[in-house]
């Protein structure tokens, strides 16, 4: 029974759904919404988004009409501040093309896109397998690399912010963390059991953390805000992983990112998400666009 429950909880499809809802829960719980700060949920998947934007006339797409026409070109419309994608963007050529089309829409809307990035864009195939940036030697294939270079060269790319690594959304189920009532259950498999223990944890899209910080900054300073003030989220899930010598603290954001690692992410146009050693905090920033400069938004004016 424990094996079956683990199989369900750790299925990539189930993890994606749980991570999306828990990321949204983070925003709802940590942001004080009011007449000036509101959250909207748009029900559109990545595949449907790609289908809609596969056109040369983006102004006729539903997304453009929602973010631009209804918000900026209609009397009484309210402009969007930022757009968060719950979908991850891989290093594939198709994702670079989709982001290029999205960039044109969100830039026209004045609302930067926040999304999770594949660390392969910075040469890292797996943070769990290669936490040392000296080992980040992989790269997308030639066609994908060319597509990503083309994306970074777009003027509108200044409105696209991709973040990495991910952050822990909840503690795993277990007697020492979050017990369940039905039967004794340890969600994280023991050392040596088949499968990746790292993948067993529920890692979340870092765009949710970035959006939360931007919302807090706006609540404090309005449009005088600057991304990165504040730059930390506290009271995050902190897991003590039992080892032979006691307990080892799991980094809240996948790895203990070093300054060299962060600089490598920044060099590839990615905004870094930092763990704070042995603490229940994560740090986001500096906020960068895929074009390499500061992330463009209404605060830029």
Foldseek 3Di string as FASTA:
>chain_A
DQVVVLCQLLDVVNLLVVQVVLLVVVQVVQFDDDPVDDDDDDDDDPVRLLVQLPDPCVCPGPLLCVQPCQAPVDPPHPADFAAEDSDEQELALSSLVSVLSVLVRCVNSQHAYEWAYQCVLLQDNDCVVPVDSVNSNHHDDPNSVVSLVVSLPDPSLLRYAYADDFFFSADFEADVGNDDDPDHHGNQDDPPDPDDSLSSTSTHICSSVQVSQVSVQCVVPNLLGDRVVPFKDAPADWDFPQDPVGTAIQFRRRHQHDPVNQVSCLVQFHWYKHGDHPGRMIGTDPTGGSNNHHRGHSSVD
